[in-house]
Amino acid sequence: MSMTEDEARYEQWMDDLYREHKEQAIEEFTDERLKSFYVTHPLVAQLAVETLAEARKLLEGQSTAAQVFAAIAVEVGLKVALLKPVVHGLVHSESTAEIITDLTLRHTRFDFFHQLLSEILLKHGGVNLESYAREGASKGLWAEIQEVQKCRDRVVHRAESATREQAERAIAIARVILEDLFPAVVSHLGLHLHDGVRVCQDWRCGRPELCR
């Protein structure tokens, strides 16, 4: 599907903005900005986690639906649980942060934010997205994410079916994002998770006798 003239102009504007401010954004970004977002939005990953759970339920007998739900979990996990806190942290004014974040997340090209997200997550989240690969996978995680998207698009736009193998792979990739990478970033910031989803900064959680 080709872009409209307005969409093409928007793509160019985003590309110019990214190139102009990328280095400064990475230099000025701080752990505290990333941490602050997670503390303020402790359930940021909840919808993605619930969608992954639904994909797992659908796997038996409904591989196409399972693949689509897993692809949604991948996209929401990346955009909302990882990218949104980064974009929000790049904006100094709280009043405009939400608006800019929402506009940025409407951009459908993951590859557009790949390098920025990778560098900030490596520096402030302890996760090397560039070289990360699932155990036993022949490709890097980012290449697998792109394959999941392409498969989902064929299902949604061409009414094709997904195989069980494709569904299982999409679920595995969503699991890595939500159960490995997201917790690793949270932990790197000195936070922790409850039930694999709720971000918490209360140090007393490590000492049950203080949690009354």
C-alpha atoms as a PDB file:
ATOM      1  CA  MET A   1       0.000   0.000   0.000  1.00  0.00           C
ATOM      2  CA  SER A   2       1.580   3.307  -1.110  1.00  0.00           C
ATOM      3  CA  MET A   3       1.742   6.381   1.119  1.00  0.00           C
ATOM      4  CA  THR A   4      -0.290   9.507   0.533  1.00  0.00           C
ATOM      5  CA  GLU A   5       1.484  12.832  -0.052  1.00  0.00           C
ATOM      6  CA  ASP A   6       0.759  13.892   3.541  1.00  0.00           C
ATOM      7  CA  GLU A   7       2.103  10.620   4.890  1.00  0.00           C
ATOM      8  CA  ALA A   8       5.255  10.983   2.816  1.00  0.00           C
ATOM      9  CA  ARG A   9       5.801  14.499   4.143  1.00  0.00           C
ATOM     10  CA  TYR A  10       5.297  13.245   7.690  1.00  0.00           C
ATOM     11  CA  GLU A  11       7.827  10.452   7.106  1.00  0.00           C
ATOM     12  CA  GLN A  12      10.375  13.004   5.885  1.00  0.00           C
ATOM     13  CA  TRP A  13       9.676  15.346   8.804  1.00  0.00           C
ATOM     14  CA  MET A  14      10.146  12.546  11.331  1.00  0.00           C
ATOM     15  CA  ASP A  15      13.337  11.438   9.614  1.00  0.00           C
ATOM     16  CA  ASP A  16      14.792  14.968   9.666  1.00  0.00           C
ATOM     17  CA  LEU A  17      13.777  15.447  13.299  1.00  0.00           C
ATOM     18  CA  TYR A  18      15.341  12.137  14.275  1.00  0.00           C
ATOM     19  CA  ARG A  19      18.654  12.854  12.530  1.00  0.00           C
ATOM     20  CA  GLU A  20      18.860  16.356  13.972  1.00  0.00           C
ATOM     21  CA  HIS A  21      18.266  15.444  17.604  1.00  0.00           C
ATOM     22  CA  LYS A  22      19.343  11.815  17.996  1.00  0.00           C
ATOM     23  CA  GLU A  23      22.822  12.443  19.390  1.00  0.00           C
ATOM     24  CA  GLN A  24      21.624  15.132  21.791  1.00  0.00           C
ATOM     25  CA  ALA A  25      18.727  12.956  22.909  1.00  0.00           C
ATOM     26  CA  ILE A  26      21.010  10.059  23.771  1.00  0.00           C
ATOM     27  CA  GLU A  27      23.529  12.344  25.505  1.00  0.00           C
ATOM     28  CA  GLU A  28      20.955  14.131  27.669  1.00  0.00           C
ATOM     29  CA  PHE A  29      18.798  11.137  28.522  1.00  0.00           C
ATOM     30  CA  THR A  30      19.074  10.022  32.156  1.00  0.00           C
ATOM     31  CA  ASP A  31      18.180   6.964  34.183  1.00  0.00           C
ATOM     32  CA  GLU A  32      15.890   9.097  36.326  1.00  0.00           C
ATOM     33  CA  ARG A  33      13.701  10.067  33.383  1.00  0.00           C
ATOM     34  CA  LEU A  34      13.197   6.453  32.401  1.00  0.00           C
ATOM     35  CA  LYS A  35      12.660   5.386  36.007  1.00  0.00           C
ATOM     36  CA  SER A  36      10.195   8.206  36.624  1.00  0.00           C
ATOM     37  CA  PHE A  37       7.921   7.056  33.817  1.00  0.00           C
ATOM     38  CA  TYR A  38       7.758   3.475  35.093  1.00  0.00           C
ATOM     39  CA  VAL A  39       7.072   4.621  38.652  1.00  0.00           C
ATOM     40  CA  THR A  40       4.294   6.937  37.461  1.00  0.00           C
ATOM     41  CA  HIS A  41       2.834   4.298  35.123  1.00  0.00           C
ATOM     42  CA  PRO A  42       3.372   1.001  36.988  1.00  0.00           C
ATOM     43  CA  LEU A  43       0.961  -0.984  34.782  1.00  0.00           C
ATOM     44  CA  VAL A  44       2.371   0.209  31.457  1.00  0.00           C
ATOM     45  CA  ALA A  45       2.896  -3.380  30.246  1.00  0.00           C
ATOM     46  CA  GLN A  46      -0.405  -4.825  31.469  1.00  0.00           C
ATOM     47  CA  LEU A  47      -2.332  -4.811  28.182  1.00  0.00           C
ATOM     48  CA  ALA A  48       0.577  -6.369  26.293  1.00  0.00           C
ATOM     49  CA  VAL A  49       0.954  -9.088  28.932  1.00  0.00           C
ATOM     50  CA  GLU A  50      -2.781  -9.839  28.813  1.00  0.00           C
ATOM     51  CA  THR A  51      -2.685 -10.018  25.015  1.00  0.00           C
ATOM     52  CA  LEU A  52       0.197 -12.484  25.155  1.00  0.00           C
ATOM     53  CA  ALA A  53      -1.804 -14.618  27.585  1.00  0.00           C
ATOM     54  CA  GLU A  54      -4.704 -14.618  25.120  1.00  0.00           C
ATOM     55  CA  ALA A  55      -2.374 -15.667  22.303  1.00  0.00           C
ATOM     56  CA  ARG A  56      -1.233 -18.642  24.354  1.00  0.00           C
ATOM     57  CA  LYS A  57      -4.847 -19.677  24.947  1.00  0.00           C
ATOM     58  CA  LEU A  58      -5.607 -19.480  21.225  1.00  0.00           C
ATOM     59  CA  LEU A  59      -2.621 -21.565  20.168  1.00  0.00           C
ATOM     60  CA  GLU A  60      -4.480 -24.853  20.447  1.00  0.00           C
ATOM     61  CA  GLY A  61      -6.619 -25.033  17.324  1.00  0.00           C
ATOM     62  CA  GLN A  62      -6.499 -21.371  16.319  1.00  0.00           C
ATOM     63  CA  SER A  63      -2.963 -20.717  15.133  1.00  0.00           C
ATOM     64  CA  THR A  64      -3.871 -17.749  12.903  1.00  0.00           C
ATOM     65  CA  ALA A  65      -5.633 -15.907  15.716  1.00  0.00           C
ATOM     66  CA  ALA A  66      -2.789 -16.810  18.075  1.00  0.00           C
ATOM     67  CA  GLN A  67      -0.232 -15.339  15.679  1.00  0.00           C
ATOM     68  CA  VAL A  68      -2.181 -12.078  15.369  1.00  0.00           C
ATOM     69  CA  PHE A  69      -2.594 -11.705  19.135  1.00  0.00           C
ATOM     70  CA  ALA A  70       1.077 -12.485  19.689  1.00  0.00           C
ATOM     71  CA  ALA A  71       2.042  -9.919  17.037  1.00  0.00           C
ATOM     72  CA  ILE A  72      -0.096  -7.367  18.852  1.00  0.00           C
ATOM     73  CA  ALA A  73       1.682  -8.236  22.105  1.00  0.00           C
ATOM     74  CA  VAL A  74       5.030  -7.746  20.355  1.00  0.00           C
ATOM     75  CA  GLU A  75       4.026  -4.349  18.980  1.00  0.00           C
ATOM     76  CA  VAL A  76       2.401  -3.062  22.162  1.00  0.00           C
ATOM     77  CA  GLY A  77       5.239  -4.449  24.266  1.00  0.00           C
ATOM     78  CA  LEU A  78       7.823  -2.603  22.181  1.00  0.00           C
ATOM     79  CA  LYS A  79       5.902   0.617  21.696  1.00  0.00           C
ATOM     80  CA  VAL A  80       4.268   1.007  25.092  1.00  0.00           C
ATOM     81  CA  ALA A  81       6.453  -0.872  27.587  1.00  0.00           C
ATOM     82  CA  LEU A  82       9.833   0.081  26.076  1.00  0.00           C
ATOM     83  CA  LEU A  83       9.588   2.873  23.484  1.00  0.00           C
ATOM     84  CA  LYS A  84       6.967   5.066  25.164  1.00  0.00           C
ATOM     85  CA  PRO A  85       8.999   5.532  28.371  1.00  0.00           C
ATOM     86  CA  VAL A  86      12.029   6.442  26.238  1.00  0.00           C
ATOM     87  CA  VAL A  87      10.149   8.990  24.098  1.00  0.00           C
ATOM     88  CA  HIS A  88       8.442  10.428  27.178  1.00  0.00           C
ATOM     89  CA  GLY A  89      11.829  10.792  28.847  1.00  0.00           C
ATOM     90  CA  LEU A  90      13.218  12.764  25.916  1.00  0.00           C
ATOM     91  CA  VAL A  91      10.717  15.576  26.449  1.00  0.00           C
ATOM     92  CA  HIS A  92      11.482  18.074  29.207  1.00  0.00           C
ATOM     93  CA  SER A  93       8.015  19.606  29.473  1.00  0.00           C
ATOM     94  CA  GLU A  94       5.532  17.320  31.200  1.00  0.00           C
ATOM     95  CA  SER A  95       2.605  19.172  29.639  1.00  0.00           C
ATOM     96  CA  THR A  96       3.705  18.312  26.098  1.00  0.00           C
ATOM     97  CA  ALA A  97       5.324  14.931  26.758  1.00  0.00           C
ATOM     98  CA  GLU A  98       2.111  12.932  26.417  1.00  0.00           C
ATOM     99  CA  ILE A  99       1.139  14.638  23.149  1.00  0.00           C
ATOM    100  CA  ILE A 100       4.554  14.125  21.547  1.00  0.00           C
ATOM    101  CA  THR A 101       4.708  10.547  22.785  1.00  0.00           C
ATOM    102  CA  ASP A 102       1.321   9.682  21.291  1.00  0.00           C
ATOM    103  CA  LEU A 103       2.212  11.309  17.960  1.00  0.00           C
ATOM    104  CA  THR A 104       5.500   9.443  17.839  1.00  0.00           C
ATOM    105  CA  LEU A 105       3.948   6.079  18.636  1.00  0.00           C
ATOM    106  CA  ARG A 106       1.523   6.451  15.720  1.00  0.00           C
ATOM    107  CA  HIS A 107       4.523   6.135  13.429  1.00  0.00           C
ATOM    108  CA  THR A 108       4.321   2.578  12.121  1.00  0.00           C
ATOM    109  CA  ARG A 109       7.952   2.068  11.119  1.00  0.00           C
ATOM    110  CA  PHE A 110       9.727   0.243  13.954  1.00  0.00           C
ATOM    111  CA  ASP A 111      13.004   0.528  12.074  1.00  0.00           C
ATOM    112  CA  PHE A 112      12.720   4.312  12.309  1.00  0.00           C
ATOM    113  CA  PHE A 113      13.226   4.183  16.089  1.00  0.00           C
ATOM    114  CA  HIS A 114      15.418   1.104  16.139  1.00  0.00           C
ATOM    115  CA  GLN A 115      18.783   2.775  16.655  1.00  0.00           C
ATOM    116  CA  LEU A 116      17.559   5.374  19.152  1.00  0.00           C
ATOM    117  CA  LEU A 117      15.710   2.765  21.200  1.00  0.00           C
ATOM    118  CA  SER A 118      18.669   0.388  21.022  1.00  0.00           C
ATOM    119  CA  GLU A 119      21.228   2.919  22.202  1.00  0.00           C
ATOM    120  CA  ILE A 120      19.140   4.265  25.074  1.00  0.00           C
ATOM    121  CA  LEU A 121      18.131   0.794  26.250  1.00  0.00           C
ATOM    122  CA  LEU A 122      21.767  -0.304  26.167  1.00  0.00           C
ATOM    123  CA  LYS A 123      22.957   2.722  28.127  1.00  0.00           C
ATOM    124  CA  HIS A 124      20.106   3.048  30.592  1.00  0.00           C
ATOM    125  CA  GLY A 125      18.386  -0.323  30.571  1.00  0.00           C
ATOM    126  CA  GLY A 126      21.259  -2.765  30.272  1.00  0.00           C
ATOM    127  CA  VAL A 127      19.731  -4.410  27.175  1.00  0.00           C
ATOM    128  CA  ASN A 128      21.601  -4.679  23.861  1.00  0.00           C
ATOM    129  CA  LEU A 129      18.745  -4.815  21.377  1.00  0.00           C
ATOM    130  CA  GLU A 130      21.166  -4.801  18.427  1.00  0.00           C
ATOM    131  CA  SER A 131      22.781  -8.119  19.284  1.00  0.00           C
ATOM    132  CA  TYR A 132      20.043  -9.781  21.338  1.00  0.00           C
ATOM    133  CA  ALA A 133      18.849 -13.145  20.048  1.00  0.00           C
ATOM    134  CA  ARG A 134      16.535 -15.775  21.456  1.00  0.00           C
ATOM    135  CA  GLU A 135      18.142 -18.978  22.608  1.00  0.00           C
ATOM    136  CA  GLY A 136      18.251 -21.379  19.662  1.00  0.00           C
ATOM    137  CA  ALA A 137      17.198 -18.716  17.123  1.00  0.00           C
ATOM    138  CA  SER A 138      19.154 -18.399  13.873  1.00  0.00           C
ATOM    139  CA  LYS A 139      18.424 -14.663  13.586  1.00  0.00           C
ATOM    140  CA  GLY A 140      18.610 -11.647  15.849  1.00  0.00           C
ATOM    141  CA  LEU A 141      15.513 -10.576  17.751  1.00  0.00           C
ATOM    142  CA  TRP A 142      14.949  -7.481  15.624  1.00  0.00           C
ATOM    143  CA  ALA A 143      14.903  -9.509  12.403  1.00  0.00           C
ATOM    144  CA  GLU A 144      12.414 -11.907  13.997  1.00  0.00           C
ATOM    145  CA  ILE A 145      10.202  -9.010  15.076  1.00  0.00           C
ATOM    146  CA  GLN A 146      10.049  -7.807  11.491  1.00  0.00           C
ATOM    147  CA  GLU A 147       9.074 -11.289  10.311  1.00  0.00           C
ATOM    148  CA  VAL A 148       6.276 -11.435  12.875  1.00  0.00           C
ATOM    149  CA  GLN A 149       4.954  -8.097  11.605  1.00  0.00           C
ATOM    150  CA  LYS A 150       5.040  -9.244   7.987  1.00  0.00           C
ATOM    151  CA  CYS A 151       3.172 -12.448   8.831  1.00  0.00           C
ATOM    152  CA  ARG A 152       0.544 -10.495  10.777  1.00  0.00           C
ATOM    153  CA  ASP A 153       0.114  -8.090   7.845  1.00  0.00           C
ATOM    154  CA  ARG A 154      -0.473 -10.986   5.437  1.00  0.00           C
ATOM    155  CA  VAL A 155      -3.151 -12.358   7.751  1.00  0.00           C
ATOM    156  CA  VAL A 156      -4.877  -9.004   8.246  1.00  0.00           C
ATOM    157  CA  HIS A 157      -4.590  -7.590   4.727  1.00  0.00           C
ATOM    158  CA  ARG A 158      -4.633 -10.715   2.558  1.00  0.00           C
ATOM    159  CA  ALA A 159      -6.706 -13.092   4.679  1.00  0.00           C
ATOM    160  CA  GLU A 160      -3.853 -15.611   4.716  1.00  0.00           C
ATOM    161  CA  SER A 161      -3.526 -18.219   7.458  1.00  0.00           C
ATOM    162  CA  ALA A 162      -0.687 -18.588   9.927  1.00  0.00           C
ATOM    163  CA  THR A 163       0.815 -21.945  10.759  1.00  0.00           C
ATOM    164  CA  ARG A 164       1.237 -23.236  14.270  1.00  0.00           C
ATOM    165  CA  GLU A 165       4.992 -22.769  13.884  1.00  0.00           C
ATOM    166  CA  GLN A 166       4.516 -19.100  12.980  1.00  0.00           C
ATOM    167  CA  ALA A 167       2.188 -18.627  15.940  1.00  0.00           C
ATOM    168  CA  GLU A 168       4.609 -20.331  18.317  1.00  0.00           C
ATOM    169  CA  ARG A 169       7.476 -18.167  17.066  1.00  0.00           C
ATOM    170  CA  ALA A 170       5.448 -14.975  17.517  1.00  0.00           C
ATOM    171  CA  ILE A 171       4.499 -16.020  21.045  1.00  0.00           C
ATOM    172  CA  ALA A 172       8.138 -16.806  21.840  1.00  0.00           C
ATOM    173  CA  ILE A 173       9.232 -13.374  20.615  1.00  0.00           C
ATOM    174  CA  ALA A 174       6.503 -11.610  22.597  1.00  0.00           C
ATOM    175  CA  ARG A 175       7.567 -13.601  25.643  1.00  0.00           C
ATOM    176  CA  VAL A 176      11.175 -12.424  25.255  1.00  0.00           C
ATOM    177  CA  ILE A 177      10.078  -8.782  25.054  1.00  0.00           C
ATOM    178  CA  LEU A 178       7.670  -8.922  27.981  1.00  0.00           C
ATOM    179  CA  GLU A 179       9.243 -11.557  30.220  1.00  0.00           C
ATOM    180  CA  ASP A 180      12.958 -11.002  29.565  1.00  0.00           C
ATOM    181  CA  LEU A 181      13.714  -7.534  28.170  1.00  0.00           C
ATOM    182  CA  PHE A 182      11.076  -5.506  30.022  1.00  0.00           C
ATOM    183  CA  PRO A 183      11.949  -7.003  33.447  1.00  0.00           C
ATOM    184  CA  ALA A 184      15.665  -6.535  32.695  1.00  0.00           C
ATOM    185  CA  VAL A 185      15.170  -2.822  32.035  1.00  0.00           C
ATOM    186  CA  VAL A 186      13.045  -2.430  35.166  1.00  0.00           C
ATOM    187  CA  SER A 187      15.619  -4.270  37.273  1.00  0.00           C
ATOM    188  CA  HIS A 188      18.497  -2.228  35.828  1.00  0.00           C
ATOM    189  CA  LEU A 189      16.739   0.916  37.083  1.00  0.00           C
ATOM    190  CA  GLY A 190      16.557  -0.437  40.638  1.00  0.00           C
ATOM    191  CA  LEU A 191      12.873  -1.334  40.362  1.00  0.00           C
ATOM    192  CA  HIS A 192      11.098  -4.699  40.398  1.00  0.00           C
ATOM    193  CA  LEU A 193       7.899  -6.325  39.168  1.00  0.00           C
ATOM    194  CA  HIS A 194       4.935  -7.902  40.919  1.00  0.00           C
ATOM    195  CA  ASP A 195       3.137 -10.708  39.064  1.00  0.00           C
ATOM    196  CA  GLY A 196       5.425 -10.024  36.118  1.00  0.00           C
ATOM    197  CA  VAL A 197       3.602  -6.792  35.244  1.00  0.00           C
ATOM    198  CA  ARG A 198       3.305  -4.147  38.008  1.00  0.00           C
ATOM    199  CA  VAL A 199       6.375  -1.956  38.446  1.00  0.00           C
ATOM    200  CA  CYS A 200       7.276  -1.230  42.059  1.00  0.00           C
ATOM    201  CA  GLN A 201       9.970   0.877  43.714  1.00  0.00           C
ATOM    202  CA  ASP A 202       9.201  -0.035  47.331  1.00  0.00           C
ATOM    203  CA  TRP A 203      12.448  -1.423  48.769  1.00  0.00           C
ATOM    204  CA  ARG A 204      10.473  -3.053  51.594  1.00  0.00           C
ATOM    205  CA  CYS A 205       9.188  -5.683  49.159  1.00  0.00           C
ATOM    206  CA  GLY A 206      12.515  -7.443  49.608  1.00  0.00           C
ATOM    207  CA  ARG A 207      11.828  -7.609  53.332  1.00  0.00           C
ATOM    208  CA  PRO A 208       8.394  -9.218  53.870  1.00  0.00           C
ATOM    209  CA  GLU A 209       8.375  -8.328  57.558  1.00  0.00           C
ATOM    210  CA  LEU A 210       8.165  -4.627  56.596  1.00  0.00           C
ATOM    211  CA  CYS A 211       5.315  -5.053  54.096  1.00  0.00           C
ATOM    212  CA  ARG A 212       2.179  -4.892  56.223  1.00  0.00           C
END
